[in-house]
Amino acid sequence: MIRTVESPPHMSAPVLAAYSYCEAVTGQQARNFAYGIRLLPTPKRRAMSALYAFSRRVDDIGDGALAPDVKAARLEDTRALLARIRAGSVDEDDIDPVAVALSHTAEHFPVPLGGLDELIDGVLMDVRGETYETWDDLKVYCRCVAGAIGRLSLGVFGTEPGARGAERAPEYADTLGLALQLTNILRDVREDAEGGRTYLPADDLAKFGCSVGFNGPTAPPGSDFAGLVHFEVRRARALFAEGYRLLPMLDRRSGACVAAMAGIYRRLLDRIEREPEAVLRGRVSLPGREKAYVAVRGLSGLDARHVSRRTVRRRA
């Protein structure tokens, strides 16, 4: 069982200001993520915003216009900051609000900060321009940039006392992260191509005649782009099905948060499956009313109960 320790109701003004900064960053930069974590109680929501703000900083370095060697140096500087946070050597009046908030989070929640080292490793793969021959190769990257975030989040959520199979919760959180990342890769295939990045495995691209890449609003001539997308969608659905086994292990509001974030991405996956070439014309997204429906469904516990019933049937 993974327990969490709630932040105290009162905290110093510098720490409160640091969390406010992280929540502002989250609200501005990650609407889907912010939509999910608003379902959490305040201490957990603040902790998740601190994790996001640090992760955003790492991602922004990787996505920026700096030379690769400068990016690599800044990522290592960020790793050094993480080491200070891990050592508890960041003071409340430090000028870096993200460091202050994340230090406070690490003091009150059992977050495995090594996951942020993995994120840095994953972004360094981007900086080096790595490509991936097989799904097994891509999984290594996805675990760094998304599976690790799932495990970090679990440190904030915790698991319910007596939850059956809770020892596998980190595995399920990791798998759910992979599902979200693969959905991101499908959604952003054109945007990534324009930035010179290809994430889908080379083996898969070759199988469906897409090795030339995606540099326009239409599929490569003679390719089976729809076949490629449907193949990857099936892979993502299998990951979601496995990762959703985490839900019954969480308390109601943490489960609602996870169900909301995952539900939004599952619905994106549905849209991509229905119209594969839409991802070549622009970013696929959900309207606010549909996100609200997903949040209500998560709060109702429908997804968690569905997973619980399915798990019981399997055991029977």
Foldseek 3Di string as FASTA:
>chain_A
DQDFFFDDPDDDPLLVVLLVVLLVCCVVPPVLLNLLLVLDPDRLSSLLSLVVSLLVVLVCLLPDDDQLVVSLVVLVVSVVLLVCLVVLNDDSPDPNSSSNNNSSSVVGFVFPSVLVVLLSVLSNCSSVQDEAADVVRLLSSLLNNFLSSLRRSCRSQPFDVPDPPVVCLSVLSSLLRSLLVLLVCLQQQQVQVVVVHDYPHCNLCVVFVQNVGQPALDGPPPGPQLVSLVVSLVVSVVSCLSSLLNLLGGPLSSSLSSQLSSVQSNVSSVVCNVPVSVSSVHGDGDDPVVSVVSSVCSNVCVSVVVSVVVVVVVVD
